[in-house]
């Protein structure tokens, strides 16, 4: 599904409504499914990913995956997804943050 995604949180802290509405978001192809990672629970992680392209070997992730994703709301004009993202910005260790995506379906140009 081709969507515009707005991240509703920064480092686990909710952004203001005004910030979210002013954010142009990231446009890409949304996929939701299992990622077979070697986790401690020995189970695949259910994840949402936003891709630059889908169905080619050249696809590239546009945002960090949203792990253990839950679909909180579906309406004809939007999806609200919640999960967690992993950040490696501090260089030494990975940090998990809560994250929500507001995904608005769009027509392909």
N, C-alpha and C. Protein backbone atom coordinates (compact mmCIF):
# COMPACT_ATOMS: atom_id res chain seq x y z
N UNK A 1 0.84 -1.16 0.00
CA UNK A 1 0.00 0.00 0.00
C UNK A 1 0.90 1.24 0.00
N UNK A 2 0.65 2.16 -0.90
CA UNK A 2 1.42 3.39 -1.00
C UNK A 2 0.85 4.39 0.00
N UNK A 3 1.68 4.87 0.93
CA UNK A 3 1.20 5.71 2.03
C UNK A 3 2.15 6.87 2.32
N UNK A 4 1.63 7.83 3.06
CA UNK A 4 2.45 8.89 3.66
C UNK A 4 2.43 8.61 5.15
N UNK A 5 3.61 8.42 5.75
CA UNK A 5 3.72 8.08 7.17
C UNK A 5 4.27 9.28 7.95
N UNK A 6 3.58 9.61 9.03
CA UNK A 6 4.06 10.62 9.97
C UNK A 6 4.36 9.90 11.28
N UNK A 7 5.59 10.06 11.78
CA UNK A 7 5.95 9.47 13.07
C UNK A 7 5.39 10.37 14.17
N UNK A 8 4.61 9.80 15.07
CA UNK A 8 3.94 10.58 16.10
C UNK A 8 4.76 10.75 17.37
N UNK A 9 5.91 10.09 17.46
CA UNK A 9 6.76 10.19 18.65
C UNK A 9 8.20 10.41 18.25
N UNK A 10 8.97 11.02 19.15
CA UNK A 10 10.41 11.18 18.99
C UNK A 10 11.05 10.63 20.26
N UNK A 11 11.87 9.60 20.13
CA UNK A 11 12.53 8.95 21.27
C UNK A 11 11.52 8.56 22.35
N UNK A 12 10.36 8.07 21.92
CA UNK A 12 9.35 7.59 22.85
C UNK A 12 8.46 8.66 23.45
N UNK A 13 8.67 9.93 23.08
CA UNK A 13 7.87 11.04 23.61
C UNK A 13 6.95 11.55 22.51
N UNK A 14 5.65 11.65 22.82
CA UNK A 14 4.67 12.07 21.83
C UNK A 14 4.90 13.51 21.38
N UNK A 15 4.85 13.72 20.08
CA UNK A 15 4.96 15.06 19.51
C UNK A 15 3.63 15.78 19.65
N UNK A 16 3.66 17.11 19.58
CA UNK A 16 2.41 17.86 19.67
C UNK A 16 1.60 17.67 18.40
N UNK A 17 0.30 17.89 18.52
CA UNK A 17 -0.59 17.77 17.37
C UNK A 17 -0.15 18.70 16.24
N UNK A 18 0.25 19.92 16.60
CA UNK A 18 0.66 20.89 15.59
C UNK A 18 1.90 20.42 14.83
N UNK A 19 2.87 19.84 15.55
CA UNK A 19 4.07 19.31 14.90
C UNK A 19 3.71 18.19 13.93
N UNK A 20 2.83 17.30 14.36
CA UNK A 20 2.45 16.17 13.51
C UNK A 20 1.70 16.63 12.27
N UNK A 21 0.80 17.60 12.42
CA UNK A 21 0.03 18.09 11.28
C UNK A 21 0.92 18.85 10.29
N UNK A 22 1.96 19.52 10.80
CA UNK A 22 2.87 20.28 9.93
C UNK A 22 3.91 19.39 9.26
N UNK A 23 4.12 18.18 9.76
CA UNK A 23 5.12 17.26 9.22
C UNK A 23 4.66 16.73 7.86
N UNK A 24 5.46 16.90 6.80
CA UNK A 24 5.06 16.38 5.49
C UNK A 24 5.09 14.86 5.42
N UNK A 25 5.75 14.21 6.37
CA UNK A 25 5.81 12.76 6.41
C UNK A 25 6.78 12.16 5.40
N UNK A 26 6.78 10.85 5.34
CA UNK A 26 7.64 10.09 4.44
C UNK A 26 6.75 9.23 3.56
N UNK A 27 6.93 9.32 2.26
CA UNK A 27 6.08 8.58 1.32
C UNK A 27 6.81 7.32 0.87
N UNK A 28 6.08 6.20 0.93
CA UNK A 28 6.66 4.94 0.51
C UNK A 28 5.60 3.85 0.47
N UNK A 29 6.06 2.62 0.36
CA UNK A 29 5.18 1.45 0.32
C UNK A 29 5.22 0.76 1.68
N UNK A 30 4.06 0.64 2.31
CA UNK A 30 3.95 0.04 3.64
C UNK A 30 3.74 -1.46 3.51
N UNK A 31 4.50 -2.22 4.29
CA UNK A 31 4.28 -3.66 4.39
C UNK A 31 4.26 -4.04 5.87
N UNK A 32 3.38 -4.96 6.20
CA UNK A 32 3.27 -5.46 7.57
C UNK A 32 3.35 -6.98 7.49
N UNK A 33 4.27 -7.55 8.28
CA UNK A 33 4.44 -9.00 8.26
C UNK A 33 5.48 -9.44 9.27
N UNK A 34 5.86 -10.70 9.19
CA UNK A 34 6.84 -11.25 10.12
C UNK A 34 8.26 -11.11 9.57
N UNK A 35 9.19 -10.75 10.46
CA UNK A 35 10.60 -10.69 10.13
C UNK A 35 11.28 -11.81 10.91
N UNK A 36 11.91 -12.77 10.23
CA UNK A 36 12.53 -13.88 10.93
C UNK A 36 13.87 -13.50 11.55
N UNK A 37 13.84 -12.92 12.73
CA UNK A 37 15.07 -12.55 13.43
C UNK A 37 15.35 -13.54 14.54
N UNK A 38 16.58 -13.68 14.91
CA UNK A 38 16.95 -14.57 16.01
C UNK A 38 16.76 -13.87 17.34
N UNK A 39 15.54 -13.78 17.81
CA UNK A 39 15.25 -13.10 19.06
C UNK A 39 15.35 -14.07 20.23
N UNK A 40 15.42 -13.54 21.41
CA UNK A 40 15.50 -14.37 22.62
C UNK A 40 14.25 -15.22 22.78
N UNK A 41 13.12 -14.75 22.27
CA UNK A 41 11.87 -15.50 22.39
C UNK A 41 11.78 -16.60 21.34
N UNK A 42 12.76 -16.66 20.43
CA UNK A 42 12.78 -17.67 19.34
C UNK A 42 11.49 -17.62 18.52
N UNK A 43 11.08 -16.40 18.20
CA UNK A 43 9.89 -16.22 17.38
C UNK A 43 10.16 -15.10 16.40
N UNK A 44 9.49 -15.13 15.26
CA UNK A 44 9.65 -14.00 14.33
C UNK A 44 8.95 -12.77 14.91
N UNK A 45 9.46 -11.60 14.60
CA UNK A 45 8.85 -10.36 15.05
C UNK A 45 7.87 -9.87 14.00
N UNK A 46 6.68 -9.48 14.44
CA UNK A 46 5.70 -8.87 13.57
C UNK A 46 6.12 -7.41 13.41
N UNK A 47 6.30 -6.96 12.17
CA UNK A 47 6.85 -5.63 11.96
C UNK A 47 6.18 -4.92 10.80
N UNK A 48 6.17 -3.59 10.88
CA UNK A 48 5.75 -2.74 9.76
C UNK A 48 7.00 -2.09 9.21
N UNK A 49 7.09 -2.03 7.88
CA UNK A 49 8.24 -1.41 7.24
C UNK A 49 7.76 -0.49 6.13
N UNK A 50 8.48 0.61 5.94
CA UNK A 50 8.17 1.54 4.87
C UNK A 50 9.31 1.48 3.86
N UNK A 51 8.97 1.09 2.64
CA UNK A 51 9.96 0.86 1.59
C UNK A 51 9.90 1.94 0.52
N UNK A 52 11.07 2.21 -0.06
CA UNK A 52 11.13 3.12 -1.20
C UNK A 52 10.46 2.47 -2.41
N UNK A 53 10.76 1.22 -2.65
CA UNK A 53 10.19 0.47 -3.76
C UNK A 53 9.82 -0.91 -3.27
N UNK A 54 8.80 -1.51 -3.88
CA UNK A 54 8.39 -2.84 -3.49
C UNK A 54 8.43 -3.75 -4.71
N UNK A 55 8.87 -4.97 -4.52
CA UNK A 55 8.87 -5.94 -5.60
C UNK A 55 10.12 -5.93 -6.47
N UNK A 56 11.14 -5.18 -6.04
CA UNK A 56 12.39 -5.19 -6.80
C UNK A 56 13.53 -5.43 -5.83
N UNK A 57 14.67 -5.79 -6.36
CA UNK A 57 15.82 -6.01 -5.49
C UNK A 57 16.41 -4.68 -5.00
N UNK A 58 15.94 -3.57 -5.57
CA UNK A 58 16.48 -2.26 -5.21
C UNK A 58 15.70 -1.59 -4.09
N UNK A 59 14.78 -2.30 -3.44
CA UNK A 59 13.99 -1.65 -2.40
C UNK A 59 14.89 -1.24 -1.23
N UNK A 60 14.53 -0.14 -0.62
CA UNK A 60 15.34 0.43 0.47
C UNK A 60 14.38 0.91 1.55
N UNK A 61 14.71 0.60 2.81
CA UNK A 61 13.88 1.05 3.92
C UNK A 61 14.00 2.56 4.11
N UNK A 62 12.87 3.24 4.28
CA UNK A 62 12.87 4.68 4.46
C UNK A 62 12.84 5.10 5.93
N UNK A 63 12.27 4.25 6.77
CA UNK A 63 12.21 4.48 8.21
C UNK A 63 12.66 3.21 8.91
N UNK A 64 13.15 3.32 10.15
CA UNK A 64 13.45 2.09 10.89
C UNK A 64 12.17 1.26 11.05
N UNK A 65 12.25 -0.06 10.97
CA UNK A 65 11.05 -0.89 11.12
C UNK A 65 10.35 -0.65 12.46
N UNK A 66 9.06 -0.84 12.45
CA UNK A 66 8.23 -0.73 13.65
C UNK A 66 7.96 -2.15 14.11
N UNK A 67 8.63 -2.60 15.19
CA UNK A 67 8.54 -3.98 15.65
C UNK A 67 7.36 -4.20 16.59
N UNK A 68 6.93 -5.47 16.69
CA UNK A 68 5.76 -5.86 17.48
C UNK A 68 4.60 -4.92 17.22
N UNK A 69 4.36 -4.68 15.94
CA UNK A 69 3.37 -3.68 15.52
C UNK A 69 1.94 -4.15 15.81
N UNK A 70 1.14 -3.19 16.23
CA UNK A 70 -0.30 -3.38 16.43
C UNK A 70 -1.02 -2.37 15.55
N UNK A 71 -2.08 -2.80 14.90
CA UNK A 71 -2.92 -1.87 14.15
C UNK A 71 -4.00 -1.40 15.13
N UNK A 72 -3.91 -0.13 15.53
CA UNK A 72 -4.84 0.40 16.53
C UNK A 72 -6.14 0.87 15.92
N UNK A 73 -6.08 1.42 14.71
CA UNK A 73 -7.29 1.95 14.09
C UNK A 73 -7.15 1.89 12.58
N UNK A 74 -8.24 1.48 11.94
CA UNK A 74 -8.32 1.50 10.49
C UNK A 74 -9.57 2.28 10.12
N UNK A 75 -9.40 3.30 9.29
CA UNK A 75 -10.53 4.03 8.73
C UNK A 75 -10.32 4.07 7.22
N UNK A 76 -11.30 4.52 6.46
CA UNK A 76 -11.11 4.58 5.00
C UNK A 76 -9.95 5.49 4.58
N UNK A 77 -9.54 6.42 5.46
CA UNK A 77 -8.50 7.38 5.06
C UNK A 77 -7.21 7.29 5.85
N UNK A 78 -7.10 6.36 6.81
CA UNK A 78 -5.83 6.30 7.56
C UNK A 78 -5.73 5.01 8.37
N UNK A 79 -4.47 4.71 8.75
CA UNK A 79 -4.15 3.61 9.66
C UNK A 79 -3.36 4.21 10.82
N UNK A 80 -3.59 3.72 12.02
CA UNK A 80 -2.78 4.10 13.16
C UNK A 80 -2.09 2.84 13.66
N UNK A 81 -0.74 2.85 13.62
CA UNK A 81 0.06 1.69 14.01
C UNK A 81 0.89 2.04 15.24
N UNK A 82 1.08 1.06 16.13
CA UNK A 82 1.91 1.27 17.32
C UNK A 82 2.86 0.09 17.48
N UNK A 83 4.09 0.40 17.88
CA UNK A 83 5.09 -0.62 18.12
C UNK A 83 6.31 0.02 18.75
N UNK A 84 7.48 -0.54 18.47
CA UNK A 84 8.70 0.09 18.96
C UNK A 84 9.75 0.08 17.87
N UNK A 85 10.61 1.10 17.90
CA UNK A 85 11.73 1.21 16.98
C UNK A 85 13.02 1.08 17.75
N UNK A 86 14.05 0.61 17.07
CA UNK A 86 15.36 0.46 17.68
C UNK A 86 16.27 1.54 17.12
N UNK A 87 16.93 2.28 18.02
CA UNK A 87 17.85 3.33 17.63
C UNK A 87 19.26 2.93 18.03
N UNK A 88 20.21 3.16 17.12
CA UNK A 88 21.61 2.90 17.41
C UNK A 88 22.41 4.20 17.32
N UNK A 89 21.75 5.32 17.54
CA UNK A 89 22.39 6.63 17.40
C UNK A 89 23.50 6.87 18.41
N UNK A 90 23.40 6.26 19.61
CA UNK A 90 24.45 6.51 20.61
C UNK A 90 25.73 5.73 20.32
N UNK A 91 25.70 4.83 19.32
CA UNK A 91 26.92 4.17 18.87
C UNK A 91 27.30 2.90 19.61
N UNK A 92 27.05 2.82 20.90
CA UNK A 92 27.50 1.64 21.65
C UNK A 92 26.41 0.60 21.83
N UNK A 93 25.22 1.03 22.13
CA UNK A 93 24.16 0.07 22.40
C UNK A 93 22.88 0.51 21.71
N UNK A 94 22.04 -0.46 21.42
CA UNK A 94 20.75 -0.17 20.80
C UNK A 94 19.75 0.20 21.88
N UNK A 95 18.88 1.15 21.56
CA UNK A 95 17.84 1.60 22.48
C UNK A 95 16.50 1.42 21.80
N UNK A 96 15.52 0.90 22.54
CA UNK A 96 14.17 0.74 22.01
C UNK A 96 13.31 1.90 22.48
N UNK A 97 12.52 2.42 21.54
CA UNK A 97 11.59 3.50 21.85
C UNK A 97 10.20 3.14 21.36
N UNK A 98 9.19 3.54 22.11
CA UNK A 98 7.82 3.41 21.64
C UNK A 98 7.64 4.33 20.44
N UNK A 99 6.83 3.90 19.49
CA UNK A 99 6.60 4.71 18.29
C UNK A 99 5.20 4.43 17.77
N UNK A 100 4.58 5.45 17.21
CA UNK A 100 3.32 5.30 16.50
C UNK A 100 3.46 5.92 15.12
N UNK A 101 2.86 5.27 14.13
CA UNK A 101 2.84 5.80 12.77
C UNK A 101 1.41 6.12 12.40
N UNK A 102 1.23 7.28 11.80
CA UNK A 102 -0.04 7.65 11.20
C UNK A 102 0.15 7.49 9.71
N UNK A 103 -0.49 6.51 9.11
CA UNK A 103 -0.28 6.18 7.70
C UNK A 103 -1.54 6.56 6.91
N UNK A 104 -1.35 7.42 5.92
CA UNK A 104 -2.45 7.90 5.08
C UNK A 104 -2.24 7.34 3.67
N UNK A 105 -3.15 6.48 3.19
CA UNK A 105 -3.01 5.96 1.83
C UNK A 105 -3.05 7.08 0.80
N UNK A 106 -2.21 6.97 -0.22
CA UNK A 106 -2.19 7.96 -1.30
C UNK A 106 -2.18 7.23 -2.63
N UNK A 107 -2.60 7.94 -3.66
CA UNK A 107 -2.54 7.38 -5.01
C UNK A 107 -1.13 7.52 -5.54
N UNK A 108 -0.65 6.53 -6.26
CA UNK A 108 0.67 6.61 -6.86
C UNK A 108 0.63 7.68 -7.96
N UNK A 109 1.70 8.51 -8.05
CA UNK A 109 1.70 9.56 -9.08
C UNK A 109 1.80 9.00 -10.48
